[in-house]
Amino acid sequence: ASDGSAIHATTAGAPASAHHSYAMYDGSIYKVFTGVIVRIVPNAAHFEMHFVPLNETRDALVRDDKGEQLVWVVQMESGAEAFQHGITRESFPQGTVFSMGVHPRRDGKPAGDRGDSGLFQCPKGKVPEPGKHCDSVEGAKTFGEGELPTEGPVGR
């Protein structure tokens, strides 16, 4: 079947934990976010962070055209790897301000993959200066290795 239906037939019964392709993410660019955690999903296959980005002046949450908070979903390493780096539901409670780079989805949906980006948590009750991220805030915590990537094309 040249329409791809044979592929759907073979993957329809695959377990939810099956590893998927990263083709949906644009690995050639990074968007760097500072946001506020709304939910953590510690899946075995991929740890997920659900967050609402802060605006550039760091004094309000980003909203969509309907005025609703714009929630992004970022897939990360496996739950076991995240745990090894100290990334848990308990270490990132709702309301935590953090920064990381994200390879966005190609279809424009508010989702992405962390890739090799560093992950930085602002101290409780603090946000970065306008246009800056948690890595610039005194007392910020680093989780795992890595730095915040430069926003835009990878390797420029």
Protein backbone atom coordinates (compact mmCIF):
# COMPACT_ATOMS: atom_id res chain seq x y z
CA ALA A 1 0.00 0.00 0.00
CA SER A 2 1.68 3.15 -1.18
CA ASP A 3 -0.52 5.38 0.98
CA GLY A 4 1.31 4.30 4.13
CA SER A 5 -1.62 2.33 5.58
CA ALA A 6 0.60 -0.72 6.03
CA ILE A 7 2.77 1.32 8.38
CA HIS A 8 -0.24 2.33 10.47
CA ALA A 9 -1.37 -1.29 10.69
CA THR A 10 1.98 -2.39 12.11
CA THR A 11 2.34 0.44 14.63
CA ALA A 12 -1.26 0.60 15.85
CA GLY A 13 -0.70 -2.23 18.32
CA ALA A 14 2.69 -1.01 19.52
CA PRO A 15 2.92 -0.36 23.26
CA ALA A 16 2.79 3.27 24.36
CA SER A 17 6.32 2.94 25.70
CA ALA A 18 7.72 2.13 22.24
CA HIS A 19 10.43 4.54 21.22
CA HIS A 20 9.36 6.93 18.50
CA SER A 21 11.12 8.92 15.83
CA TYR A 22 12.32 12.46 16.54
CA ALA A 23 11.33 13.52 13.00
CA MET A 24 8.45 15.60 14.39
CA TYR A 25 10.98 17.92 16.09
CA ASP A 26 13.17 20.41 14.26
CA GLY A 27 16.62 19.48 15.57
CA SER A 28 18.21 22.25 13.50
CA ILE A 29 16.93 25.03 15.78
CA TYR A 30 16.51 25.78 19.46
CA LYS A 31 13.96 28.01 21.15
CA VAL A 32 15.05 28.98 24.65
CA PHE A 33 12.30 29.29 27.23
CA THR A 34 11.98 30.53 30.76
CA GLY A 35 8.68 29.24 32.04
CA VAL A 36 6.56 28.13 34.96
CA ILE A 37 5.85 24.42 35.58
CA VAL A 38 2.18 23.49 35.49
CA ARG A 39 2.60 19.70 35.42
CA ILE A 40 5.28 17.00 35.43
CA VAL A 41 4.66 13.61 33.83
CA PRO A 42 7.44 11.19 34.84
CA ASN A 43 6.83 8.59 32.08
CA ALA A 44 9.31 5.73 31.88
CA ALA A 45 10.09 6.35 28.20
CA HIS A 46 10.17 10.17 28.27
CA PHE A 47 9.98 12.51 31.23
CA GLU A 48 7.63 15.39 30.31
CA MET A 49 7.51 18.95 31.57
CA HIS A 50 4.34 20.96 30.92
CA PHE A 51 4.92 24.69 31.35
CA VAL A 52 3.71 28.16 30.46
CA PRO A 53 6.45 30.44 29.12
CA LEU A 54 7.11 33.80 30.76
CA ASN A 55 7.08 36.84 28.48
CA GLU A 56 10.35 38.63 27.58
CA THR A 57 9.97 41.12 30.46
CA ARG A 58 9.50 38.12 32.83
CA ASP A 59 6.44 39.65 34.52
CA ALA A 60 3.56 37.70 32.92
CA LEU A 61 2.68 34.31 31.49
CA VAL A 62 2.34 33.97 27.71
CA ARG A 63 -1.26 33.60 26.56
CA ASP A 64 -2.81 32.41 23.31
CA ASP A 65 -5.20 34.42 21.12
CA LYS A 66 -8.13 33.33 23.34
CA GLY A 67 -6.44 34.67 26.48
CA GLU A 68 -5.68 31.17 27.84
CA GLN A 69 -2.26 30.29 29.22
CA LEU A 70 -0.15 28.82 26.40
CA VAL A 71 1.01 25.45 27.75
CA TRP A 72 4.07 23.87 26.14
CA VAL A 73 4.92 20.15 26.52
CA VAL A 74 8.58 19.16 26.37
CA GLN A 75 9.79 15.60 26.13
CA MET A 76 13.07 14.83 27.79
CA GLU A 77 15.24 11.85 28.57
CA SER A 78 13.81 8.68 30.12
CA GLY A 79 12.34 8.87 33.60
CA ALA A 80 15.33 6.89 34.94
CA GLU A 81 17.88 9.30 33.38
CA ALA A 82 15.93 12.33 34.62
CA PHE A 83 15.90 10.84 38.13
CA GLN A 84 19.71 10.37 37.97
CA HIS A 85 20.02 14.10 37.22
CA GLY A 86 17.73 15.03 40.12
CA ILE A 87 14.83 15.91 37.83
CA THR A 88 11.69 14.65 39.58
CA ARG A 89 8.12 15.76 40.18
CA GLU A 90 9.27 16.76 43.68
CA SER A 91 12.25 18.84 42.48
CA PHE A 92 10.04 20.69 39.95
CA PRO A 93 6.75 21.34 41.78
CA GLN A 94 3.97 23.33 40.15
CA GLY A 95 4.97 27.01 40.00
CA THR A 96 8.72 26.35 39.63
CA VAL A 97 10.45 28.84 37.30
CA PHE A 98 13.06 27.22 35.04
CA SER A 99 14.89 27.70 31.73
CA MET A 100 15.87 25.30 28.96
CA GLY A 101 16.30 25.05 25.22
CA VAL A 102 13.75 23.18 23.14
CA HIS A 103 13.80 21.73 19.62
CA PRO A 104 10.25 22.76 18.61
CA ARG A 105 7.77 20.58 16.75
CA ARG A 106 7.82 21.09 12.99
CA ASP A 107 4.02 21.47 12.86
CA GLY A 108 4.06 24.56 15.09
CA LYS A 109 2.26 22.96 18.04
CA PRO A 110 3.54 24.19 21.44
CA ALA A 111 5.71 21.17 22.11
CA GLY A 112 9.27 20.02 21.64
CA ASP A 113 12.23 17.99 22.73
CA ARG A 114 14.96 19.16 25.11
CA GLY A 115 17.82 17.71 23.08
CA ASP A 116 21.16 18.43 24.78
CA SER A 117 20.08 21.68 26.41
CA GLY A 118 21.01 22.46 29.99
CA LEU A 119 18.19 22.79 32.51
CA PHE A 120 18.30 25.60 35.06
CA GLN A 121 15.93 26.27 37.95
CA CYS A 122 15.50 29.76 39.38
CA PRO A 123 15.54 30.05 43.18
CA LYS A 124 12.02 30.02 44.64
CA GLY A 125 10.38 33.41 44.31
CA LYS A 126 12.92 34.77 41.79
CA VAL A 127 12.69 35.35 38.05
CA PRO A 128 15.43 36.47 35.67
CA GLU A 129 15.91 40.05 34.50
CA PRO A 130 14.01 40.94 31.30
CA GLY A 131 15.35 38.97 28.33
CA LYS A 132 17.52 36.72 30.51
CA HIS A 133 17.11 33.17 31.78
CA CYS A 134 17.50 31.27 35.07
CA ASP A 135 21.18 30.57 34.36
CA SER A 136 21.77 34.30 35.03
CA VAL A 137 20.04 34.31 38.45
CA GLU A 138 22.23 34.02 41.54
CA GLY A 139 21.52 30.78 43.37
CA ALA A 140 20.05 29.00 40.31
CA LYS A 141 20.30 25.19 40.27
CA THR A 142 21.62 23.19 37.32
CA PHE A 143 20.22 19.74 36.53
CA GLY A 144 22.39 17.38 34.53
CA GLU A 145 25.02 18.72 32.18
CA GLY A 146 24.84 21.29 29.46
CA GLU A 147 24.33 24.97 28.96
CA LEU A 148 21.45 26.93 27.54
CA PRO A 149 21.84 26.86 23.77
CA THR A 150 21.89 29.98 21.66
CA GLU A 151 18.40 30.62 20.33
CA GLY A 152 18.05 29.96 16.60
CA PRO A 153 19.86 27.61 14.21
CA VAL A 154 22.04 24.97 15.88
CA GLY A 155 25.78 25.48 15.46
CA ARG A 156 25.73 29.04 14.19
